[in-house]
């Protein structure tokens, strides 16, 4: 007759609450809106933003035409420069500089303390006319790169490769950043861990007796 096997007592080990770990974000790309807090709106209205108001001054529109022609003259002085390459370079340089100035750099370079940092997250394009859309200044800034693209396309004799380069730069650097749908929107990449799993955390278990003979009280054991 076989002897019955002893039943050892059931041990319950407490699991710390932080063993679940840190939650990770399940998205790689995140779109968020900036500059919409009430206190920031009040700080912007406290003083005149001279960083953006210059676009409405006299001669502000004409300066774009002057800079384009000055750049064209300088580029034409390069030995061996052709008109096709010259107009393409003028167009690309203008688009890159305008993108850097209006859509990349944020904040204001002077008197920032007067506005309490309310413009720190806004680009120059978002500061112009207090963010209003379809104002005369913004219509001109939207039209100027298109006119330069048409001029460069004409003077490059409608070369298909140069046309593709100029058109791509126009869309990416001048048209898309100015769309109202992207106003004060920021695309963040890899803002958090994107695996979708929890970060494991090493649990801290309570200290137990190292002697296995004292792990359980023999008196508590039940035999069948």
C-alpha atoms as a PDB file:
ATOM      1  CA  UNK A   1       0.000   0.000   0.000  1.00  0.00           C
ATOM      2  CA  UNK A   2       1.452   3.325  -1.045  1.00  0.00           C
ATOM      3  CA  UNK A   3       2.038   5.974   1.549  1.00  0.00           C
ATOM      4  CA  UNK A   4       0.108   9.223   1.080  1.00  0.00           C
ATOM      5  CA  UNK A   5       2.171  12.168  -0.086  1.00  0.00           C
ATOM      6  CA  UNK A   6       2.464  15.033   2.385  1.00  0.00           C
ATOM      7  CA  UNK A   7       0.739  18.319   1.595  1.00  0.00           C
ATOM      8  CA  UNK A   8       2.991  21.293   2.089  1.00  0.00           C
ATOM      9  CA  UNK A   9       1.535  24.578   3.269  1.00  0.00           C
ATOM     10  CA  UNK A  10       0.617  27.125   0.608  1.00  0.00           C
ATOM     11  CA  UNK A  11       2.919  30.137   0.691  1.00  0.00           C
ATOM     12  CA  UNK A  12       1.626  33.488  -0.585  1.00  0.00           C
ATOM     13  CA  UNK A  13       4.320  35.930  -1.721  1.00  0.00           C
ATOM     14  CA  UNK A  14       3.178  39.575  -1.817  1.00  0.00           C
ATOM     15  CA  UNK A  15       3.828  41.273  -5.156  1.00  0.00           C
ATOM     16  CA  UNK A  16       4.683  44.992  -5.048  1.00  0.00           C
ATOM     17  CA  UNK A  17       2.339  47.308  -6.890  1.00  0.00           C
ATOM     18  CA  UNK A  18       5.142  48.704  -9.045  1.00  0.00           C
ATOM     19  CA  UNK A  19       5.919  45.311 -10.604  1.00  0.00           C
ATOM     20  CA  UNK A  20       3.563  46.250 -13.439  1.00  0.00           C
ATOM     21  CA  UNK A  21       6.229  48.673 -14.545  1.00  0.00           C
ATOM     22  CA  UNK A  22       6.033  51.799 -16.607  1.00  0.00           C
ATOM     23  CA  UNK A  23       3.478  52.006 -19.405  1.00  0.00           C
ATOM     24  CA  UNK A  24       4.874  52.615 -22.860  1.00  0.00           C
ATOM     25  CA  UNK A  25       3.329  54.611 -25.608  1.00  0.00           C
ATOM     26  CA  UNK A  26       2.042  52.553 -28.514  1.00  0.00           C
ATOM     27  CA  UNK A  27       2.633  55.205 -31.198  1.00  0.00           C
ATOM     28  CA  UNK A  28       5.797  56.318 -32.949  1.00  0.00           C
ATOM     29  CA  UNK A  29       4.407  59.597 -34.345  1.00  0.00           C
ATOM     30  CA  UNK A  30       2.467  62.026 -32.190  1.00  0.00           C
ATOM     31  CA  UNK A  31       0.718  65.210 -33.331  1.00  0.00           C
ATOM     32  CA  UNK A  32       0.077  67.822 -30.683  1.00  0.00           C
ATOM     33  CA  UNK A  33      -1.058  71.440 -30.580  1.00  0.00           C
ATOM     34  CA  UNK A  34       1.084  74.141 -28.988  1.00  0.00           C
ATOM     35  CA  UNK A  35       0.486  77.690 -27.828  1.00  0.00           C
ATOM     36  CA  UNK A  36      -3.192  77.353 -26.970  1.00  0.00           C
ATOM     37  CA  UNK A  37      -3.192  77.946 -23.218  1.00  0.00           C
ATOM     38  CA  UNK A  38      -5.218  80.825 -21.829  1.00  0.00           C
ATOM     39  CA  UNK A  39      -2.305  82.409 -19.962  1.00  0.00           C
ATOM     40  CA  UNK A  40      -0.233  82.414 -23.160  1.00  0.00           C
ATOM     41  CA  UNK A  41      -3.009  84.189 -25.055  1.00  0.00           C
ATOM     42  CA  UNK A  42      -3.129  86.858 -22.349  1.00  0.00           C
ATOM     43  CA  UNK A  43       0.660  87.320 -22.413  1.00  0.00           C
ATOM     44  CA  UNK A  44       0.638  87.798 -26.201  1.00  0.00           C
ATOM     45  CA  UNK A  45      -1.939  90.544 -25.992  1.00  0.00           C
ATOM     46  CA  UNK A  46      -0.004  92.462 -23.325  1.00  0.00           C
ATOM     47  CA  UNK A  47       2.579  94.021 -25.685  1.00  0.00           C
ATOM     48  CA  UNK A  48       3.081  94.501 -29.401  1.00  0.00           C
ATOM     49  CA  UNK A  49       5.004  91.683 -31.042  1.00  0.00           C
ATOM     50  CA  UNK A  50       7.537  93.570 -33.156  1.00  0.00           C
ATOM     51  CA  UNK A  51       9.060  90.278 -34.238  1.00  0.00           C
ATOM     52  CA  UNK A  52       6.077  89.596 -36.524  1.00  0.00           C
ATOM     53  CA  UNK A  53       4.600  93.020 -37.238  1.00  0.00           C
ATOM     54  CA  UNK A  54       7.353  93.984 -39.678  1.00  0.00           C
ATOM     55  CA  UNK A  55       5.658  91.918 -42.404  1.00  0.00           C
ATOM     56  CA  UNK A  56       2.899  94.539 -42.504  1.00  0.00           C
ATOM     57  CA  UNK A  57       5.299  97.484 -42.765  1.00  0.00           C
ATOM     58  CA  UNK A  58       5.854  99.458 -45.959  1.00  0.00           C
ATOM     59  CA  UNK A  59       8.350  97.801 -48.261  1.00  0.00           C
ATOM     60  CA  UNK A  60       8.123  94.428 -46.512  1.00  0.00           C
ATOM     61  CA  UNK A  61       6.596  92.834 -49.588  1.00  0.00           C
ATOM     62  CA  UNK A  62       9.076  94.438 -51.963  1.00  0.00           C
ATOM     63  CA  UNK A  63      12.074  93.123 -50.035  1.00  0.00           C
ATOM     64  CA  UNK A  64      11.358  89.604 -51.301  1.00  0.00           C
ATOM     65  CA  UNK A  65      11.660  90.730 -54.916  1.00  0.00           C
ATOM     66  CA  UNK A  66      14.848  92.683 -54.163  1.00  0.00           C
ATOM     67  CA  UNK A  67      16.476  89.723 -52.414  1.00  0.00           C
ATOM     68  CA  UNK A  68      15.593  87.361 -55.259  1.00  0.00           C
ATOM     69  CA  UNK A  69      17.158  89.621 -57.885  1.00  0.00           C
ATOM     70  CA  UNK A  70      20.216  90.258 -55.731  1.00  0.00           C
ATOM     71  CA  UNK A  71      20.675  86.533 -55.263  1.00  0.00           C
ATOM     72  CA  UNK A  72      20.273  85.980 -58.994  1.00  0.00           C
ATOM     73  CA  UNK A  73      22.961  88.546 -59.794  1.00  0.00           C
ATOM     74  CA  UNK A  74      25.391  87.037 -57.272  1.00  0.00           C
ATOM     75  CA  UNK A  75      24.850  83.482 -58.526  1.00  0.00           C
ATOM     76  CA  UNK A  76      25.310  84.585 -62.153  1.00  0.00           C
ATOM     77  CA  UNK A  77      28.818  85.794 -61.301  1.00  0.00           C
ATOM     78  CA  UNK A  78      29.937  82.192 -60.667  1.00  0.00           C
ATOM     79  CA  UNK A  79      32.062  81.043 -63.648  1.00  0.00           C
ATOM     80  CA  UNK A  80      30.389  78.488 -65.897  1.00  0.00           C
ATOM     81  CA  UNK A  81      26.928  79.111 -64.432  1.00  0.00           C
ATOM     82  CA  UNK A  82      24.019  78.452 -66.798  1.00  0.00           C
ATOM     83  CA  UNK A  83      20.622  80.110 -66.620  1.00  0.00           C
ATOM     84  CA  UNK A  84      18.883  76.829 -65.881  1.00  0.00           C
ATOM     85  CA  UNK A  85      21.063  76.043 -62.889  1.00  0.00           C
ATOM     86  CA  UNK A  86      21.065  79.687 -61.806  1.00  0.00           C
ATOM     87  CA  UNK A  87      17.272  79.965 -61.581  1.00  0.00           C
ATOM     88  CA  UNK A  88      17.032  76.571 -59.892  1.00  0.00           C
ATOM     89  CA  UNK A  89      19.550  77.610 -57.245  1.00  0.00           C
ATOM     90  CA  UNK A  90      17.762  80.910 -56.680  1.00  0.00           C
ATOM     91  CA  UNK A  91      14.471  79.105 -56.194  1.00  0.00           C
ATOM     92  CA  UNK A  92      15.914  76.455 -53.857  1.00  0.00           C
ATOM     93  CA  UNK A  93      17.861  78.962 -51.764  1.00  0.00           C
ATOM     94  CA  UNK A  94      14.832  81.214 -51.386  1.00  0.00           C
ATOM     95  CA  UNK A  95      12.599  78.301 -50.364  1.00  0.00           C
ATOM     96  CA  UNK A  96      15.073  76.960 -47.822  1.00  0.00           C
ATOM     97  CA  UNK A  97      15.740  80.363 -46.260  1.00  0.00           C
ATOM     98  CA  UNK A  98      12.043  81.216 -46.078  1.00  0.00           C
ATOM     99  CA  UNK A  99      11.272  77.830 -44.514  1.00  0.00           C
ATOM    100  CA  UNK A 100      14.024  78.319 -41.956  1.00  0.00           C
ATOM    101  CA  UNK A 101      12.825  81.813 -41.120  1.00  0.00           C
ATOM    102  CA  UNK A 102       9.045  81.356 -41.126  1.00  0.00           C
ATOM    103  CA  UNK A 103       8.498  77.701 -40.230  1.00  0.00           C
ATOM    104  CA  UNK A 104      11.509  76.331 -38.348  1.00  0.00           C
ATOM    105  CA  UNK A 105      12.763  78.895 -35.830  1.00  0.00           C
ATOM    106  CA  UNK A 106      10.420  79.423 -32.881  1.00  0.00           C
ATOM    107  CA  UNK A 107      10.135  82.190 -30.326  1.00  0.00           C
ATOM    108  CA  UNK A 108      11.242  85.804 -30.590  1.00  0.00           C
ATOM    109  CA  UNK A 109      14.845  87.009 -30.442  1.00  0.00           C
ATOM    110  CA  UNK A 110      14.239  90.100 -28.314  1.00  0.00           C
ATOM    111  CA  UNK A 111      11.947  91.361 -25.523  1.00  0.00           C
ATOM    112  CA  UNK A 112      10.827  87.811 -24.842  1.00  0.00           C
ATOM    113  CA  UNK A 113      10.401  88.551 -21.140  1.00  0.00           C
ATOM    114  CA  UNK A 114       7.657  91.080 -21.944  1.00  0.00           C
ATOM    115  CA  UNK A 115       5.435  88.279 -23.226  1.00  0.00           C
ATOM    116  CA  UNK A 116       6.323  85.763 -20.531  1.00  0.00           C
ATOM    117  CA  UNK A 117       7.608  83.239 -23.061  1.00  0.00           C
ATOM    118  CA  UNK A 118       4.206  83.010 -24.756  1.00  0.00           C
ATOM    119  CA  UNK A 119       5.849  82.798 -28.206  1.00  0.00           C
ATOM    120  CA  UNK A 120       8.492  80.210 -27.342  1.00  0.00           C
ATOM    121  CA  UNK A 121       6.641  77.399 -29.130  1.00  0.00           C
ATOM    122  CA  UNK A 122       5.346  79.418 -32.095  1.00  0.00           C
ATOM    123  CA  UNK A 123       7.037  79.960 -35.438  1.00  0.00           C
ATOM    124  CA  UNK A 124       7.144  83.339 -37.143  1.00  0.00           C
ATOM    125  CA  UNK A 125       4.368  82.270 -39.514  1.00  0.00           C
ATOM    126  CA  UNK A 126       2.153  81.422 -36.523  1.00  0.00           C
ATOM    127  CA  UNK A 127       2.924  84.779 -34.903  1.00  0.00           C
ATOM    128  CA  UNK A 128       2.026  86.896 -37.942  1.00  0.00           C
ATOM    129  CA  UNK A 129      -1.306  88.725 -37.510  1.00  0.00           C
ATOM    130  CA  UNK A 130      -1.849  86.913 -34.183  1.00  0.00           C
ATOM    131  CA  UNK A 131      -2.293  83.619 -36.001  1.00  0.00           C
ATOM    132  CA  UNK A 132      -5.135  84.790 -38.242  1.00  0.00           C
ATOM    133  CA  UNK A 133      -5.421  83.030 -41.592  1.00  0.00           C
ATOM    134  CA  UNK A 134      -5.832  84.519 -45.073  1.00  0.00           C
ATOM    135  CA  UNK A 135      -4.609  87.990 -44.156  1.00  0.00           C
ATOM    136  CA  UNK A 136      -3.016  90.135 -46.918  1.00  0.00           C
ATOM    137  CA  UNK A 137       0.510  89.515 -45.613  1.00  0.00           C
ATOM    138  CA  UNK A 138       0.034  85.771 -45.465  1.00  0.00           C
ATOM    139  CA  UNK A 139      -1.515  85.724 -48.919  1.00  0.00           C
ATOM    140  CA  UNK A 140       1.563  87.489 -50.279  1.00  0.00           C
ATOM    141  CA  UNK A 141       3.954  85.154 -48.460  1.00  0.00           C
ATOM    142  CA  UNK A 142       1.999  82.245 -49.899  1.00  0.00           C
ATOM    143  CA  UNK A 143       2.018  83.681 -53.423  1.00  0.00           C
ATOM    144  CA  UNK A 144       5.654  84.830 -53.621  1.00  0.00           C
ATOM    145  CA  UNK A 145       7.258  81.348 -53.738  1.00  0.00           C
ATOM    146  CA  UNK A 146       4.699  80.211 -56.317  1.00  0.00           C
ATOM    147  CA  UNK A 147       5.577  83.147 -58.592  1.00  0.00           C
ATOM    148  CA  UNK A 148       9.276  82.382 -58.203  1.00  0.00           C
ATOM    149  CA  UNK A 149       8.603  78.737 -59.050  1.00  0.00           C
ATOM    150  CA  UNK A 150       6.775  79.737 -62.232  1.00  0.00           C
ATOM    151  CA  UNK A 151       9.636  82.052 -63.219  1.00  0.00           C
ATOM    152  CA  UNK A 152      12.258  79.379 -62.564  1.00  0.00           C
ATOM    153  CA  UNK A 153      10.224  76.838 -64.549  1.00  0.00           C
ATOM    154  CA  UNK A 154      10.017  79.204 -67.513  1.00  0.00           C
ATOM    155  CA  UNK A 155      13.707  80.122 -67.531  1.00  0.00           C
ATOM    156  CA  UNK A 156      14.793  76.495 -67.167  1.00  0.00           C
ATOM    157  CA  UNK A 157      12.967  75.790 -70.450  1.00  0.00           C
ATOM    158  CA  UNK A 158      10.594  73.405 -68.682  1.00  0.00           C
ATOM    159  CA  UNK A 159      13.307  70.850 -68.074  1.00  0.00           C
ATOM    160  CA  UNK A 160      11.447  67.869 -66.520  1.00  0.00           C
ATOM    161  CA  UNK A 161      14.154  67.056 -63.950  1.00  0.00           C
ATOM    162  CA  UNK A 162      14.548  70.642 -62.788  1.00  0.00           C
ATOM    163  CA  UNK A 163      10.777  71.051 -62.815  1.00  0.00           C
ATOM    164  CA  UNK A 164      10.405  68.030 -60.504  1.00  0.00           C
ATOM    165  CA  UNK A 165      13.060  69.371 -58.133  1.00  0.00           C
ATOM    166  CA  UNK A 166      11.534  72.854 -57.983  1.00  0.00           C
ATOM    167  CA  UNK A 167       7.985  71.555 -57.606  1.00  0.00           C
ATOM    168  CA  UNK A 168       8.920  69.167 -54.797  1.00  0.00           C
ATOM    169  CA  UNK A 169      10.749  71.914 -52.918  1.00  0.00           C
ATOM    170  CA  UNK A 170       7.794  74.270 -53.378  1.00  0.00           C
ATOM    171  CA  UNK A 171       5.287  71.797 -51.985  1.00  0.00           C
ATOM    172  CA  UNK A 172       7.400  70.588 -49.060  1.00  0.00           C
ATOM    173  CA  UNK A 173       9.017  73.873 -47.979  1.00  0.00           C
ATOM    174  CA  UNK A 174       6.437  76.519 -48.905  1.00  0.00           C
ATOM    175  CA  UNK A 175       2.920  75.176 -49.361  1.00  0.00           C
ATOM    176  CA  UNK A 176       2.442  72.406 -46.793  1.00  0.00           C
ATOM    177  CA  UNK A 177       3.866  74.343 -43.785  1.00  0.00           C
ATOM    178  CA  UNK A 178       1.486  77.234 -44.536  1.00  0.00           C
ATOM    179  CA  UNK A 179      -1.709  75.181 -44.609  1.00  0.00           C
ATOM    180  CA  UNK A 180      -4.271  76.182 -41.947  1.00  0.00           C
ATOM    181  CA  UNK A 181      -4.695  72.526 -40.990  1.00  0.00           C
ATOM    182  CA  UNK A 182      -1.105  72.505 -39.691  1.00  0.00           C
ATOM    183  CA  UNK A 183      -1.396  75.735 -37.731  1.00  0.00           C
ATOM    184  CA  UNK A 184       0.305  75.257 -34.322  1.00  0.00           C
ATOM    185  CA  UNK A 185       0.529  71.525 -34.926  1.00  0.00           C
ATOM    186  CA  UNK A 186       3.735  69.669 -34.116  1.00  0.00           C
ATOM    187  CA  UNK A 187       4.680  66.204 -35.260  1.00  0.00           C
ATOM    188  CA  UNK A 188       6.749  64.441 -32.619  1.00  0.00           C
ATOM    189  CA  UNK A 189       8.716  61.326 -33.481  1.00  0.00           C
ATOM    190  CA  UNK A 190       9.585  58.644 -30.919  1.00  0.00           C
ATOM    191  CA  UNK A 191       8.248  60.636 -27.973  1.00  0.00           C
ATOM    192  CA  UNK A 192       8.040  57.441 -25.925  1.00  0.00           C
ATOM    193  CA  UNK A 193       8.813  53.747 -26.119  1.00  0.00           C
ATOM    194  CA  UNK A 194       6.869  52.369 -29.044  1.00  0.00           C
ATOM    195  CA  UNK A 195       6.904  48.633 -28.400  1.00  0.00           C
ATOM    196  CA  UNK A 196       3.541  48.646 -26.649  1.00  0.00           C
ATOM    197  CA  UNK A 197       4.760  46.522 -23.710  1.00  0.00           C
ATOM    198  CA  UNK A 198       5.434  47.413 -20.120  1.00  0.00           C
ATOM    199  CA  UNK A 199       8.933  47.977 -18.868  1.00  0.00           C
ATOM    200  CA  UNK A 200       9.659  45.199 -16.375  1.00  0.00           C
ATOM    201  CA  UNK A 201      10.718  46.288 -12.943  1.00  0.00           C
ATOM    202  CA  UNK A 202      12.660  44.044 -10.589  1.00  0.00           C
ATOM    203  CA  UNK A 203      10.327  43.312  -7.668  1.00  0.00           C
ATOM    204  CA  UNK A 204      11.483  43.656  -4.116  1.00  0.00           C
ATOM    205  CA  UNK A 205      10.318  40.540  -2.288  1.00  0.00           C
ATOM    206  CA  UNK A 206      10.251  40.349   1.524  1.00  0.00           C
ATOM    207  CA  UNK A 207      13.292  38.848   3.157  1.00  0.00           C
ATOM    208  CA  UNK A 208      12.882  35.148   3.868  1.00  0.00           C
ATOM    209  CA  UNK A 209      14.824  32.774   6.087  1.00  0.00           C
ATOM    210  CA  UNK A 210      17.757  31.240   4.299  1.00  0.00           C
ATOM    211  CA  UNK A 211      17.450  27.966   6.238  1.00  0.00           C
ATOM    212  CA  UNK A 212      15.104  25.678   4.313  1.00  0.00           C
ATOM    213  CA  UNK A 213      14.288  23.770   7.498  1.00  0.00           C
ATOM    214  CA  UNK A 214      12.626  26.892   8.906  1.00  0.00           C
ATOM    215  CA  UNK A 215      10.827  27.870   5.714  1.00  0.00           C
ATOM    216  CA  UNK A 216       7.597  26.434   7.044  1.00  0.00           C
ATOM    217  CA  UNK A 217       6.403  25.331  10.416  1.00  0.00           C
ATOM    218  CA  UNK A 218       6.173  21.520  10.438  1.00  0.00           C
ATOM    219  CA  UNK A 219       3.223  21.757  12.774  1.00  0.00           C
ATOM    220  CA  UNK A 220       1.215  23.426   9.991  1.00  0.00           C
ATOM    221  CA  UNK A 221       1.712  20.545   7.576  1.00  0.00           C
ATOM    222  CA  UNK A 222      -1.275  18.339   6.884  1.00  0.00           C
ATOM    223  CA  UNK A 223      -0.971  14.708   5.990  1.00  0.00           C
ATOM    224  CA  UNK A 224      -3.707  12.798   4.341  1.00  0.00           C
END
